Amino acid sequence: MADDFERAAFREREAKQILRRRVFWLHAVIWAVTNVFLIVVWWITGHTYPWFLFPLFGWGIGLAAHGAVAFLLASPQDVVLKREQKRLARGERIEK
């Protein structure tokens, strides 16, 4: 059985994961809105050289890295907590 402290740690881990993903989606929306604005400015100003591609792809690389951190990578604390959760599910006890 997990005690209150363990359950609170797992809830905190889940809350941090949800927050990381929400911040990523906010970043993605800001990236999209800004780049649509830049494309509109490019179109209005004569649409000759596609200069908007530089910030679009440059910032897109940063957005992709942010997405990897938000959805794929886990912090060391998350790894330890997940391992502890599996151990508790198996019913093992910590030996000192």
C-alpha atoms as a PDB file:
ATOM      1  CA  MET A   1       0.000   0.000   0.000  1.00  0.00           C
ATOM      2  CA  ALA A   2       1.224   3.462  -0.803  1.00  0.00           C
ATOM      3  CA  ASP A   3       1.165   6.008   1.970  1.00  0.00           C
ATOM      4  CA  ASP A   4      -0.034   9.593   1.659  1.00  0.00           C
ATOM      5  CA  PHE A   5       3.430  10.930   0.902  1.00  0.00           C
ATOM      6  CA  GLU A   6       3.907   8.521  -2.017  1.00  0.00           C
ATOM      7  CA  ARG A   7       0.491   9.331  -3.453  1.00  0.00           C
ATOM      8  CA  ALA A   8       1.227  13.067  -3.153  1.00  0.00           C
ATOM      9  CA  ALA A   9       4.553  12.592  -4.964  1.00  0.00           C
ATOM     10  CA  PHE A  10       2.832  10.754  -7.811  1.00  0.00           C
ATOM     11  CA  ARG A  11       0.121  13.428  -8.055  1.00  0.00           C
ATOM     12  CA  GLU A  12       2.785  16.141  -8.125  1.00  0.00           C
ATOM     13  CA  ARG A  13       4.637  14.303 -10.903  1.00  0.00           C
ATOM     14  CA  GLU A  14       1.451  14.072 -12.957  1.00  0.00           C
ATOM     15  CA  ALA A  15       0.667  17.762 -12.349  1.00  0.00           C
ATOM     16  CA  LYS A  16       4.152  18.773 -13.544  1.00  0.00           C
ATOM     17  CA  GLN A  17       3.763  16.636 -16.657  1.00  0.00           C
ATOM     18  CA  ILE A  18       0.400  18.237 -17.457  1.00  0.00           C
ATOM     19  CA  LEU A  19       1.883  21.708 -16.930  1.00  0.00           C
ATOM     20  CA  ARG A  20       4.861  20.934 -19.224  1.00  0.00           C
ATOM     21  CA  ARG A  21       2.499  19.840 -21.984  1.00  0.00           C
ATOM     22  CA  ARG A  22       0.205  22.854 -21.596  1.00  0.00           C
ATOM     23  CA  VAL A  23       3.163  25.235 -21.781  1.00  0.00           C
ATOM     24  CA  PHE A  24       4.303  23.464 -24.954  1.00  0.00           C
ATOM     25  CA  TRP A  25       0.869  23.895 -26.563  1.00  0.00           C
ATOM     26  CA  LEU A  26       0.891  27.590 -25.619  1.00  0.00           C
ATOM     27  CA  HIS A  27       4.318  27.881 -27.253  1.00  0.00           C
ATOM     28  CA  ALA A  28       2.990  26.134 -30.389  1.00  0.00           C
ATOM     29  CA  VAL A  29       0.014  28.499 -30.652  1.00  0.00           C
ATOM     30  CA  ILE A  30       2.230  31.573 -30.256  1.00  0.00           C
ATOM     31  CA  TRP A  31       4.617  30.164 -32.902  1.00  0.00           C
ATOM     32  CA  ALA A  32       1.745  29.575 -35.343  1.00  0.00           C
ATOM     33  CA  VAL A  33       0.104  32.978 -34.836  1.00  0.00           C
ATOM     34  CA  THR A  34       3.404  34.828 -35.148  1.00  0.00           C
ATOM     35  CA  ASN A  35       4.399  32.987 -38.305  1.00  0.00           C
ATOM     36  CA  VAL A  36       1.010  33.538 -39.928  1.00  0.00           C
ATOM     37  CA  PHE A  37       1.467  37.243 -39.188  1.00  0.00           C
ATOM     38  CA  LEU A  38       4.945  37.187 -40.781  1.00  0.00           C
ATOM     39  CA  ILE A  39       3.579  35.442 -43.878  1.00  0.00           C
ATOM     40  CA  VAL A  40       0.834  38.057 -44.183  1.00  0.00           C
ATOM     41  CA  VAL A  41       3.412  40.861 -43.881  1.00  0.00           C
ATOM     42  CA  TRP A  42       5.532  39.156 -46.562  1.00  0.00           C
ATOM     43  CA  TRP A  43       2.495  38.847 -48.838  1.00  0.00           C
ATOM     44  CA  ILE A  44       1.429  42.471 -48.366  1.00  0.00           C
ATOM     45  CA  THR A  45       4.938  43.831 -48.956  1.00  0.00           C
ATOM     46  CA  GLY A  46       5.297  42.324 -52.402  1.00  0.00           C
ATOM     47  CA  HIS A  47       5.973  38.630 -51.751  1.00  0.00           C
ATOM     48  CA  THR A  48       9.304  38.511 -53.549  1.00  0.00           C
ATOM     49  CA  TYR A  49      11.931  36.710 -51.433  1.00  0.00           C
ATOM     50  CA  PRO A  50      10.415  34.315 -48.834  1.00  0.00           C
ATOM     51  CA  TRP A  51      12.293  35.769 -45.835  1.00  0.00           C
ATOM     52  CA  PHE A  52       9.624  34.498 -43.443  1.00  0.00           C
ATOM     53  CA  LEU A  53      11.053  30.975 -43.828  1.00  0.00           C
ATOM     54  CA  PHE A  54      14.067  31.832 -41.660  1.00  0.00           C
ATOM     55  CA  PRO A  55      12.126  32.600 -38.463  1.00  0.00           C
ATOM     56  CA  LEU A  56       9.597  29.886 -39.290  1.00  0.00           C
ATOM     57  CA  PHE A  57      12.190  27.107 -39.443  1.00  0.00           C
ATOM     58  CA  GLY A  58      14.553  28.585 -36.861  1.00  0.00           C
ATOM     59  CA  TRP A  59      11.854  28.926 -34.248  1.00  0.00           C
ATOM     60  CA  GLY A  60      10.388  25.616 -35.430  1.00  0.00           C
ATOM     61  CA  ILE A  61      13.581  23.839 -34.386  1.00  0.00           C
ATOM     62  CA  GLY A  62      13.203  25.304 -30.903  1.00  0.00           C
ATOM     63  CA  LEU A  63       9.542  24.307 -30.848  1.00  0.00           C
ATOM     64  CA  ALA A  64      10.443  20.737 -31.829  1.00  0.00           C
ATOM     65  CA  ALA A  65      12.991  20.582 -29.009  1.00  0.00           C
ATOM     66  CA  HIS A  66      10.401  21.907 -26.576  1.00  0.00           C
ATOM     67  CA  GLY A  67       7.962  19.232 -27.761  1.00  0.00           C
ATOM     68  CA  ALA A  68      10.572  16.517 -27.216  1.00  0.00           C
ATOM     69  CA  VAL A  69      11.136  17.704 -23.665  1.00  0.00           C
ATOM     70  CA  ALA A  70       7.406  18.001 -22.968  1.00  0.00           C
ATOM     71  CA  PHE A  71       6.329  14.650 -24.417  1.00  0.00           C
ATOM     72  CA  LEU A  72       9.333  12.336 -24.731  1.00  0.00           C
ATOM     73  CA  LEU A  73      11.971  13.085 -22.120  1.00  0.00           C
ATOM     74  CA  ALA A  74      11.531  12.463 -18.426  1.00  0.00           C
ATOM     75  CA  SER A  75      13.316  14.223 -15.595  1.00  0.00           C
ATOM     76  CA  PRO A  76      15.472  12.091 -13.254  1.00  0.00           C
ATOM     77  CA  GLN A  77      12.837  12.533 -10.543  1.00  0.00           C
ATOM     78  CA  ASP A  78      10.180  11.127 -12.865  1.00  0.00           C
ATOM     79  CA  VAL A  79      12.331   8.087 -13.576  1.00  0.00           C
ATOM     80  CA  VAL A  80      12.866   7.423  -9.858  1.00  0.00           C
ATOM     81  CA  LEU A  81       9.180   7.926  -9.042  1.00  0.00           C
ATOM     82  CA  LYS A  82       8.063   5.628 -11.864  1.00  0.00           C
ATOM     83  CA  ARG A  83      10.506   2.934 -10.710  1.00  0.00           C
ATOM     84  CA  GLU A  84       9.206   3.327  -7.141  1.00  0.00           C
ATOM     85  CA  GLN A  85       5.616   3.104  -8.362  1.00  0.00           C
ATOM     86  CA  LYS A  86       6.384  -0.191 -10.152  1.00  0.00           C
ATOM     87  CA  ARG A  87       8.137  -1.514  -7.060  1.00  0.00           C
ATOM     88  CA  LEU A  88       5.152  -0.638  -4.895  1.00  0.00           C
ATOM     89  CA  ALA A  89       2.780  -2.269  -7.374  1.00  0.00           C
ATOM     90  CA  ARG A  90       4.766  -5.498  -7.050  1.00  0.00           C
ATOM     91  CA  GLY A  91       4.474  -5.246  -3.250  1.00  0.00           C
ATOM     92  CA  GLU A  92       8.209  -5.024  -2.515  1.00  0.00           C
ATOM     93  CA  ARG A  93       9.500  -3.250   0.561  1.00  0.00           C
ATOM     94  CA  ILE A  94      12.567  -1.083   0.979  1.00  0.00           C
ATOM     95  CA  GLU A  95      15.277  -2.883   2.923  1.00  0.00           C
ATOM     96  CA  LYS A  96      17.597  -0.784   5.051  1.00  0.00           C
END
